[in-house]
Amino acid sequence: MGTQGRVEVRTTGDCQAKGEPYALLIRNTETYVRCEDVALPTMLAQDFINRIEGRKDVIISGEDVLMSSLDAIEIDESLEEVCLC
């Protein structure tokens, strides 16, 4: 959740999710975007191994990992209240 809206992601590993995985991007307007499951050329665990092996055809780069970690830290530091629903 942020100042411009929120993102909701349901994956197959989510015990609360029913049906197929999806993601919702919900803005502070009445519009939203629903992203259905996107077929990837490989599983994330294999992508991680490919990155360790030095292959160039990876889905998630080392920079992606670092940037998402930085984003998570910045979001955590900016929170005023935590609500686990």
PDB file of N, CA and C in Angstrom:
ATOM      1  N   MET A   1       0.843  -1.161   0.000  1.00  0.00           N
ATOM      2  CA  MET A   1       0.000   0.000   0.000  1.00  0.00           C
ATOM      3  C   MET A   1       0.894   1.231   0.000  1.00  0.00           C
ATOM      4  N   GLY A   2       0.551   2.171  -0.821  1.00  0.00           N
ATOM      5  CA  GLY A   2       1.326   3.399  -0.903  1.00  0.00           C
ATOM      6  C   GLY A   2       0.430   4.595  -1.112  1.00  0.00           C
ATOM      7  N   THR A   3       1.031   5.736  -1.390  1.00  0.00           N
ATOM      8  CA  THR A   3       0.257   6.961  -1.549  1.00  0.00           C
ATOM      9  C   THR A   3      -0.545   6.979  -2.851  1.00  0.00           C
ATOM     10  N   GLN A   4      -0.149   6.178  -3.840  1.00  0.00           N
ATOM     11  CA  GLN A   4      -0.840   6.160  -5.128  1.00  0.00           C
ATOM     12  C   GLN A   4      -1.756   4.950  -5.308  1.00  0.00           C
ATOM     13  N   GLY A   5      -1.780   4.062  -4.309  1.00  0.00           N
ATOM     14  CA  GLY A   5      -2.620   2.874  -4.420  1.00  0.00           C
ATOM     15  C   GLY A   5      -1.960   1.695  -3.739  1.00  0.00           C
ATOM     16  N   ARG A   6      -2.277   0.487  -4.232  1.00  0.00           N
ATOM     17  CA  ARG A   6      -1.685  -0.708  -3.632  1.00  0.00           C
ATOM     18  C   ARG A   6      -1.590  -1.824  -4.663  1.00  0.00           C
ATOM     19  N   VAL A   7      -0.827  -2.859  -4.306  1.00  0.00           N
ATOM     20  CA  VAL A   7      -0.691  -4.034  -5.152  1.00  0.00           C
ATOM     21  C   VAL A   7      -1.074  -5.243  -4.315  1.00  0.00           C
ATOM     22  N   GLU A   8      -1.878  -6.105  -4.878  1.00  0.00           N
ATOM     23  CA  GLU A   8      -2.245  -7.362  -4.223  1.00  0.00           C
ATOM     24  C   GLU A   8      -1.784  -8.497  -5.117  1.00  0.00           C
ATOM     25  N   VAL A   9      -1.018  -9.416  -4.557  1.00  0.00           N
ATOM     26  CA  VAL A   9      -0.503 -10.547  -5.332  1.00  0.00           C
ATOM     27  C   VAL A   9      -0.937 -11.835  -4.655  1.00  0.00           C
ATOM     28  N   ARG A  10      -1.538 -12.728  -5.408  1.00  0.00           N
ATOM     29  CA  ARG A  10      -1.906 -14.054  -4.917  1.00  0.00           C
ATOM     30  C   ARG A  10      -1.146 -15.078  -5.745  1.00  0.00           C
ATOM     31  N   THR A  11      -0.419 -15.953  -5.069  1.00  0.00           N
ATOM     32  CA  THR A  11       0.369 -16.956  -5.776  1.00  0.00           C
ATOM     33  C   THR A  11      -0.120 -18.347  -5.407  1.00  0.00           C
ATOM     34  N   THR A  12       0.408 -19.352  -6.082  1.00  0.00           N
ATOM     35  CA  THR A  12       0.010 -20.725  -5.791  1.00  0.00           C
ATOM     36  C   THR A  12       0.516 -21.165  -4.426  1.00  0.00           C
ATOM     37  N   GLY A  13       1.498 -20.478  -3.870  1.00  0.00           N
ATOM     38  CA  GLY A  13       2.004 -20.816  -2.550  1.00  0.00           C
ATOM     39  C   GLY A  13       1.239 -20.157  -1.430  1.00  0.00           C
ATOM     40  N   ASP A  14       0.237 -19.362  -1.756  1.00  0.00           N
ATOM     41  CA  ASP A  14      -0.553 -18.632  -0.766  1.00  0.00           C
ATOM     42  C   ASP A  14      -1.712 -19.516  -0.308  1.00  0.00           C
ATOM     43  N   CYS A  15      -1.712 -19.920   0.970  1.00  0.00           N
ATOM     44  CA  CYS A  15      -2.756 -20.822   1.470  1.00  0.00           C
ATOM     45  C   CYS A  15      -4.134 -20.162   1.472  1.00  0.00           C
ATOM     46  N   GLN A  16      -4.203 -18.822   1.414  1.00  0.00           N
ATOM     47  CA  GLN A  16      -5.476 -18.107   1.398  1.00  0.00           C
ATOM     48  C   GLN A  16      -6.052 -17.971  -0.019  1.00  0.00           C
ATOM     49  N   ALA A  17      -5.227 -18.224  -1.034  1.00  0.00           N
ATOM     50  CA  ALA A  17      -5.654 -18.003  -2.416  1.00  0.00           C
ATOM     51  C   ALA A  17      -6.423 -19.206  -2.952  1.00  0.00           C
ATOM     52  N   LYS A  18      -7.442 -18.931  -3.686  1.00  0.00           N
ATOM     53  CA  LYS A  18      -8.222 -19.966  -4.365  1.00  0.00           C
ATOM     54  C   LYS A  18      -8.081 -19.726  -5.863  1.00  0.00           C
ATOM     55  N   GLY A  19      -7.945 -20.776  -6.626  1.00  0.00           N
ATOM     56  CA  GLY A  19      -7.866 -20.636  -8.070  1.00  0.00           C
ATOM     57  C   GLY A  19      -6.468 -20.304  -8.560  1.00  0.00           C
ATOM     58  N   GLU A  20      -6.409 -19.663  -9.697  1.00  0.00           N
ATOM     59  CA  GLU A  20      -5.142 -19.347 -10.352  1.00  0.00           C
ATOM     60  C   GLU A  20      -4.472 -18.123  -9.732  1.00  0.00           C
ATOM     61  N   PRO A  21      -3.136 -18.059  -9.829  1.00  0.00           N
ATOM     62  CA  PRO A  21      -2.426 -16.879  -9.312  1.00  0.00           C
ATOM     63  C   PRO A  21      -2.776 -15.627 -10.122  1.00  0.00           C
ATOM     64  N   TYR A  22      -2.711 -14.480  -9.471  1.00  0.00           N
ATOM     65  CA  TYR A  22      -2.956 -13.212 -10.159  1.00  0.00           C
ATOM     66  C   TYR A  22      -2.326 -12.077  -9.364  1.00  0.00           C
ATOM     67  N   ALA A  23      -2.284 -10.919  -9.984  1.00  0.00           N
ATOM     68  CA  ALA A  23      -1.842  -9.700  -9.300  1.00  0.00           C
ATOM     69  C   ALA A  23      -2.816  -8.587  -9.655  1.00  0.00           C
ATOM     70  N   LEU A  24      -3.111  -7.739  -8.687  1.00  0.00           N
ATOM     71  CA  LEU A  24      -3.956  -6.565  -8.910  1.00  0.00           C
ATOM     72  C   LEU A  24      -3.154  -5.320  -8.607  1.00  0.00           C
ATOM     73  N   LEU A  25      -3.165  -4.368  -9.508  1.00  0.00           N
ATOM     74  CA  LEU A  25      -2.579  -3.052  -9.287  1.00  0.00           C
ATOM     75  C   LEU A  25      -3.760  -2.102  -9.137  1.00  0.00           C
ATOM     76  N   ILE A  26      -3.950  -1.603  -7.919  1.00  0.00           N
ATOM     77  CA  ILE A  26      -5.118  -0.784  -7.609  1.00  0.00           C
ATOM     78  C   ILE A  26      -4.655   0.633  -7.315  1.00  0.00           C
ATOM     79  N   ARG A  27      -5.096   1.571  -8.135  1.00  0.00           N
ATOM     80  CA  ARG A  27      -4.713   2.971  -7.951  1.00  0.00           C
ATOM     81  C   ARG A  27      -5.752   3.684  -7.097  1.00  0.00           C
ATOM     82  N   ASN A  28      -5.439   4.882  -6.675  1.00  0.00           N
ATOM     83  CA  ASN A  28      -6.374   5.672  -5.874  1.00  0.00           C
ATOM     84  C   ASN A  28      -7.463   6.298  -6.736  1.00  0.00           C
ATOM     85  N   THR A  29      -7.758   5.661  -7.824  1.00  0.00           N
ATOM     86  CA  THR A  29      -8.876   6.056  -8.677  1.00  0.00           C
ATOM     87  C   THR A  29      -9.810   4.850  -8.725  1.00  0.00           C
ATOM     88  N   GLU A  30     -10.779   4.877  -9.564  1.00  0.00           N
ATOM     89  CA  GLU A  30     -11.687   3.739  -9.652  1.00  0.00           C
ATOM     90  C   GLU A  30     -11.191   2.678 -10.625  1.00  0.00           C
ATOM     91  N   THR A  31      -9.998   2.854 -11.169  1.00  0.00           N
ATOM     92  CA  THR A  31      -9.488   1.875 -12.129  1.00  0.00           C
ATOM     93  C   THR A  31      -8.493   0.927 -11.459  1.00  0.00           C
ATOM     94  N   TYR A  32      -8.369  -0.253 -12.009  1.00  0.00           N
ATOM     95  CA  TYR A  32      -7.372  -1.204 -11.543  1.00  0.00           C
ATOM     96  C   TYR A  32      -6.929  -2.060 -12.722  1.00  0.00           C
ATOM     97  N   VAL A  33      -5.787  -2.707 -12.565  1.00  0.00           N
ATOM     98  CA  VAL A  33      -5.255  -3.596 -13.600  1.00  0.00           C
ATOM     99  C   VAL A  33      -5.098  -4.970 -12.974  1.00  0.00           C
ATOM    100  N   ARG A  34      -5.621  -6.001 -13.624  1.00  0.00           N
ATOM    101  CA  ARG A  34      -5.453  -7.372 -13.157  1.00  0.00           C
ATOM    102  C   ARG A  34      -4.501  -8.080 -14.106  1.00  0.00           C
ATOM    103  N   CYS A  35      -3.458  -8.653 -13.552  1.00  0.00           N
ATOM    104  CA  CYS A  35      -2.459  -9.385 -14.332  1.00  0.00           C
ATOM    105  C   CYS A  35      -2.627 -10.860 -14.029  1.00  0.00           C
ATOM    106  N   GLU A  36      -2.952 -11.626 -15.044  1.00  0.00           N
ATOM    107  CA  GLU A  36      -3.098 -13.069 -14.865  1.00  0.00           C
ATOM    108  C   GLU A  36      -1.713 -13.703 -14.826  1.00  0.00           C
ATOM    109  N   ASP A  37      -1.689 -14.972 -14.504  1.00  0.00           N
ATOM    110  CA  ASP A  37      -0.447 -15.728 -14.449  1.00  0.00           C
ATOM    111  C   ASP A  37       0.273 -15.633 -15.795  1.00  0.00           C
ATOM    112  N   VAL A  38       1.539 -15.262 -15.750  1.00  0.00           N
ATOM    113  CA  VAL A  38       2.341 -15.134 -16.961  1.00  0.00           C
ATOM    114  C   VAL A  38       3.259 -16.345 -17.051  1.00  0.00           C
ATOM    115  N   ALA A  39       3.221 -17.028 -18.174  1.00  0.00           N
ATOM    116  CA  ALA A  39       4.073 -18.200 -18.356  1.00  0.00           C
ATOM    117  C   ALA A  39       5.533 -17.757 -18.475  1.00  0.00           C
ATOM    118  N   LEU A  40       6.387 -18.302 -17.629  1.00  0.00           N
ATOM    119  CA  LEU A  40       7.811 -17.976 -17.659  1.00  0.00           C
ATOM    120  C   LEU A  40       8.575 -19.092 -18.351  1.00  0.00           C
ATOM    121  N   PRO A  41       9.704 -18.769 -18.962  1.00  0.00           N
ATOM    122  CA  PRO A  41      10.473 -19.802 -19.654  1.00  0.00           C
ATOM    123  C   PRO A  41      11.130 -20.796 -18.694  1.00  0.00           C
ATOM    124  N   THR A  42      11.219 -20.455 -17.419  1.00  0.00           N
ATOM    125  CA  THR A  42      11.806 -21.347 -16.423  1.00  0.00           C
ATOM    126  C   THR A  42      11.231 -21.016 -15.049  1.00  0.00           C
ATOM    127  N   MET A  43      11.383 -21.905 -14.097  1.00  0.00           N
ATOM    128  CA  MET A  43      10.926 -21.657 -12.733  1.00  0.00           C
ATOM    129  C   MET A  43      11.916 -20.723 -12.040  1.00  0.00           C
ATOM    130  N   LEU A  44      11.470 -20.011 -11.007  1.00  0.00           N
ATOM    131  CA  LEU A  44      12.334 -19.048 -10.331  1.00  0.00           C
ATOM    132  C   LEU A  44      13.533 -19.710  -9.668  1.00  0.00           C
ATOM    133  N   ALA A  45      13.363 -20.903  -9.101  1.00  0.00           N
ATOM    134  CA  ALA A  45      14.489 -21.595  -8.478  1.00  0.00           C
ATOM    135  C   ALA A  45      15.559 -21.909  -9.529  1.00  0.00           C
ATOM    136  N   GLN A  46      15.133 -22.355 -10.712  1.00  0.00           N
ATOM    137  CA  GLN A  46      16.094 -22.649 -11.777  1.00  0.00           C
ATOM    138  C   GLN A  46      16.754 -21.364 -12.271  1.00  0.00           C
ATOM    139  N   ASP A  47      15.991 -20.274 -12.314  1.00  0.00           N
ATOM    140  CA  ASP A  47      16.553 -18.986 -12.706  1.00  0.00           C
ATOM    141  C   ASP A  47      17.652 -18.566 -11.738  1.00  0.00           C
ATOM    142  N   PHE A  48      17.429 -18.791 -10.438  1.00  0.00           N
ATOM    143  CA  PHE A  48      18.419 -18.480  -9.410  1.00  0.00           C
ATOM    144  C   PHE A  48      19.689 -19.303  -9.637  1.00  0.00           C
ATOM    145  N   ILE A  49      19.526 -20.586  -9.914  1.00  0.00           N
ATOM    146  CA  ILE A  49      20.685 -21.450 -10.191  1.00  0.00           C
ATOM    147  C   ILE A  49      21.400 -20.981 -11.453  1.00  0.00           C
ATOM    148  N   ASN A  50      20.644 -20.611 -12.476  1.00  0.00           N
ATOM    149  CA  ASN A  50      21.251 -20.105 -13.713  1.00  0.00           C
ATOM    150  C   ASN A  50      22.098 -18.864 -13.443  1.00  0.00           C
ATOM    151  N   ARG A  51      21.608 -17.992 -12.562  1.00  0.00           N
ATOM    152  CA  ARG A  51      22.358 -16.778 -12.223  1.00  0.00           C
ATOM    153  C   ARG A  51      23.645 -17.138 -11.495  1.00  0.00           C
ATOM    154  N   ILE A  52      23.590 -18.096 -10.571  1.00  0.00           N
ATOM    155  CA  ILE A  52      24.790 -18.542  -9.858  1.00  0.00           C
ATOM    156  C   ILE A  52      25.811 -19.107 -10.836  1.00  0.00           C
ATOM    157  N   GLU A  53      25.322 -19.835 -11.847  1.00  0.00           N
ATOM    158  CA  GLU A  53      26.209 -20.431 -12.843  1.00  0.00           C
ATOM    159  C   GLU A  53      26.745 -19.416 -13.840  1.00  0.00           C
ATOM    160  N   GLY A  54      26.286 -18.169 -13.740  1.00  0.00           N
ATOM    161  CA  GLY A  54      26.801 -17.112 -14.605  1.00  0.00           C
ATOM    162  C   GLY A  54      26.132 -17.004 -15.957  1.00  0.00           C
ATOM    163  N   ARG A  55      25.012 -17.668 -16.136  1.00  0.00           N
ATOM    164  CA  ARG A  55      24.306 -17.576 -17.415  1.00  0.00           C
ATOM    165  C   ARG A  55      23.722 -16.185 -17.585  1.00  0.00           C
ATOM    166  N   LYS A  56      23.643 -15.730 -18.812  1.00  0.00           N
ATOM    167  CA  LYS A  56      23.159 -14.373 -19.108  1.00  0.00           C
ATOM    168  C   LYS A  56      21.653 -14.315 -19.356  1.00  0.00           C
ATOM    169  N   ASP A  57      21.018 -15.467 -19.580  1.00  0.00           N
ATOM    170  CA  ASP A  57      19.596 -15.496 -19.936  1.00  0.00           C
ATOM    171  C   ASP A  57      18.708 -15.655 -18.693  1.00  0.00           C
ATOM    172  N   VAL A  58      18.968 -14.852 -17.656  1.00  0.00           N
ATOM    173  CA  VAL A  58      18.183 -14.953 -16.431  1.00  0.00           C
ATOM    174  C   VAL A  58      16.986 -13.999 -16.463  1.00  0.00           C
ATOM    175  N   ILE A  59      15.968 -14.354 -15.708  1.00  0.00           N
ATOM    176  CA  ILE A  59      14.766 -13.521 -15.629  1.00  0.00           C
ATOM    177  C   ILE A  59      14.974 -12.405 -14.615  1.00  0.00           C
ATOM    178  N   ILE A  60      15.491 -12.761 -13.440  1.00  0.00           N
ATOM    179  CA  ILE A  60      15.697 -11.786 -12.367  1.00  0.00           C
ATOM    180  C   ILE A  60      17.199 -11.600 -12.186  1.00  0.00           C
ATOM    181  N   SER A  61      17.650 -10.377 -12.402  1.00  0.00           N
ATOM    182  CA  SER A  61      19.080 -10.083 -12.284  1.00  0.00           C
ATOM    183  C   SER A  61      19.455  -9.779 -10.840  1.00  0.00           C
ATOM    184  N   GLY A  62      20.733  -9.755 -10.568  1.00  0.00           N
ATOM    185  CA  GLY A  62      21.211  -9.356  -9.250  1.00  0.00           C
ATOM    186  C   GLY A  62      20.771  -7.940  -8.914  1.00  0.00           C
ATOM    187  N   GLU A  63      20.773  -7.068  -9.913  1.00  0.00           N
ATOM    188  CA  GLU A  63      20.321  -5.685  -9.704  1.00  0.00           C
ATOM    189  C   GLU A  63      18.841  -5.656  -9.309  1.00  0.00           C
ATOM    190  N   ASP A  64      18.022  -6.518  -9.941  1.00  0.00           N
ATOM    191  CA  ASP A  64      16.598  -6.596  -9.577  1.00  0.00           C
ATOM    192  C   ASP A  64      16.432  -6.965  -8.110  1.00  0.00           C
ATOM    193  N   VAL A  65      17.227  -7.926  -7.640  1.00  0.00           N
ATOM    194  CA  VAL A  65      17.150  -8.363  -6.240  1.00  0.00           C
ATOM    195  C   VAL A  65      17.512  -7.210  -5.311  1.00  0.00           C
ATOM    196  N   LEU A  66      18.598  -6.512  -5.624  1.00  0.00           N
ATOM    197  CA  LEU A  66      19.030  -5.402  -4.779  1.00  0.00           C
ATOM    198  C   LEU A  66      18.024  -4.255  -4.789  1.00  0.00           C
ATOM    199  N   MET A  67      17.476  -3.925  -5.948  1.00  0.00           N
ATOM    200  CA  MET A  67      16.507  -2.830  -6.035  1.00  0.00           C
ATOM    201  C   MET A  67      15.222  -3.167  -5.277  1.00  0.00           C
ATOM    202  N   SER A  68      14.762  -4.412  -5.362  1.00  0.00           N
ATOM    203  CA  SER A  68      13.538  -4.772  -4.632  1.00  0.00           C
ATOM    204  C   SER A  68      13.795  -4.759  -3.122  1.00  0.00           C
ATOM    205  N   SER A  69      15.013  -5.139  -2.714  1.00  0.00           N
ATOM    206  CA  SER A  69      15.363  -5.065  -1.288  1.00  0.00           C
ATOM    207  C   SER A  69      15.385  -3.618  -0.821  1.00  0.00           C
ATOM    208  N   LEU A  70      15.975  -2.739  -1.622  1.00  0.00           N
ATOM    209  CA  LEU A  70      16.008  -1.315  -1.282  1.00  0.00           C
ATOM    210  C   LEU A  70      14.599  -0.748  -1.200  1.00  0.00           C
ATOM    211  N   ASP A  71      13.737  -1.105  -2.154  1.00  0.00           N
ATOM    212  CA  ASP A  71      12.348  -0.645  -2.131  1.00  0.00           C
ATOM    213  C   ASP A  71      11.643  -1.113  -0.861  1.00  0.00           C
ATOM    214  N   ALA A  72      11.845  -2.374  -0.490  1.00  0.00           N
ATOM    215  CA  ALA A  72      11.204  -2.912   0.714  1.00  0.00           C
ATOM    216  C   ALA A  72      11.676  -2.175   1.965  1.00  0.00           C
ATOM    217  N   ILE A  73      12.964  -1.869   2.042  1.00  0.00           N
ATOM    218  CA  ILE A  73      13.503  -1.127   3.191  1.00  0.00           C
ATOM    219  C   ILE A  73      12.902   0.270   3.249  1.00  0.00           C
ATOM    220  N   GLU A  74      12.840   0.959   2.107  1.00  0.00           N
ATOM    221  CA  GLU A  74      12.281   2.307   2.076  1.00  0.00           C
ATOM    222  C   GLU A  74      10.801   2.307   2.449  1.00  0.00           C
ATOM    223  N   ILE A  75      10.065   1.313   1.976  1.00  0.00           N
ATOM    224  CA  ILE A  75       8.644   1.213   2.325  1.00  0.00           C
ATOM    225  C   ILE A  75       8.493   0.962   3.813  1.00  0.00           C
ATOM    226  N   ASP A  76       9.300   0.043   4.348  1.00  0.00           N
ATOM    227  CA  ASP A  76       9.245  -0.264   5.780  1.00  0.00           C
ATOM    228  C   ASP A  76       9.532   0.961   6.629  1.00  0.00           C
ATOM    229  N   GLU A  77      10.525   1.742   6.237  1.00  0.00           N
ATOM    230  CA  GLU A  77      10.885   2.928   6.996  1.00  0.00           C
ATOM    231  C   GLU A  77       9.844   4.035   6.902  1.00  0.00           C
ATOM    232  N   SER A  78       9.031   4.023   5.841  1.00  0.00           N
ATOM    233  CA  SER A  78       8.044   5.082   5.666  1.00  0.00           C
ATOM    234  C   SER A  78       6.685   4.738   6.284  1.00  0.00           C
ATOM    235  N   LEU A  79       6.528   3.509   6.769  1.00  0.00           N
ATOM    236  CA  LEU A  79       5.250   3.108   7.344  1.00  0.00           C
ATOM    237  C   LEU A  79       4.973   3.824   8.652  1.00  0.00           C
ATOM    238  N   GLU A  80       3.744   4.247   8.807  1.00  0.00           N
ATOM    239  CA  GLU A  80       3.304   4.839  10.054  1.00  0.00           C
ATOM    240  C   GLU A  80       2.545   3.826  10.886  1.00  0.00           C
ATOM    241  N   GLU A  81       1.901   2.887  10.223  1.00  0.00           N
ATOM    242  CA  GLU A  81       1.096   1.886  10.927  1.00  0.00           C
ATOM    243  C   GLU A  81       1.126   0.590  10.124  1.00  0.00           C
ATOM    244  N   VAL A  82       1.228  -0.525  10.796  1.00  0.00           N
ATOM    245  CA  VAL A  82       1.207  -1.818  10.128  1.00  0.00           C
ATOM    246  C   VAL A  82      -0.129  -2.485  10.426  1.00  0.00           C
ATOM    247  N   CYS A  83      -0.780  -2.947   9.382  1.00  0.00           N
ATOM    248  CA  CYS A  83      -2.075  -3.612   9.530  1.00  0.00           C
ATOM    249  C   CYS A  83      -2.006  -4.953   8.825  1.00  0.00           C
ATOM    250  N   LEU A  84      -2.036  -6.028   9.582  1.00  0.00           N
ATOM    251  CA  LEU A  84      -2.089  -7.373   8.999  1.00  0.00           C
ATOM    252  C   LEU A  84      -3.540  -7.824   9.029  1.00  0.00           C
ATOM    253  N   CYS A  85      -4.132  -7.895   7.844  1.00  0.00           N
ATOM    254  CA  CYS A  85      -5.558  -8.220   7.768  1.00  0.00           C
ATOM    255  C   CYS A  85      -5.762  -9.694   7.528  1.00  0.00           C
TER     256      CYS A  85
END
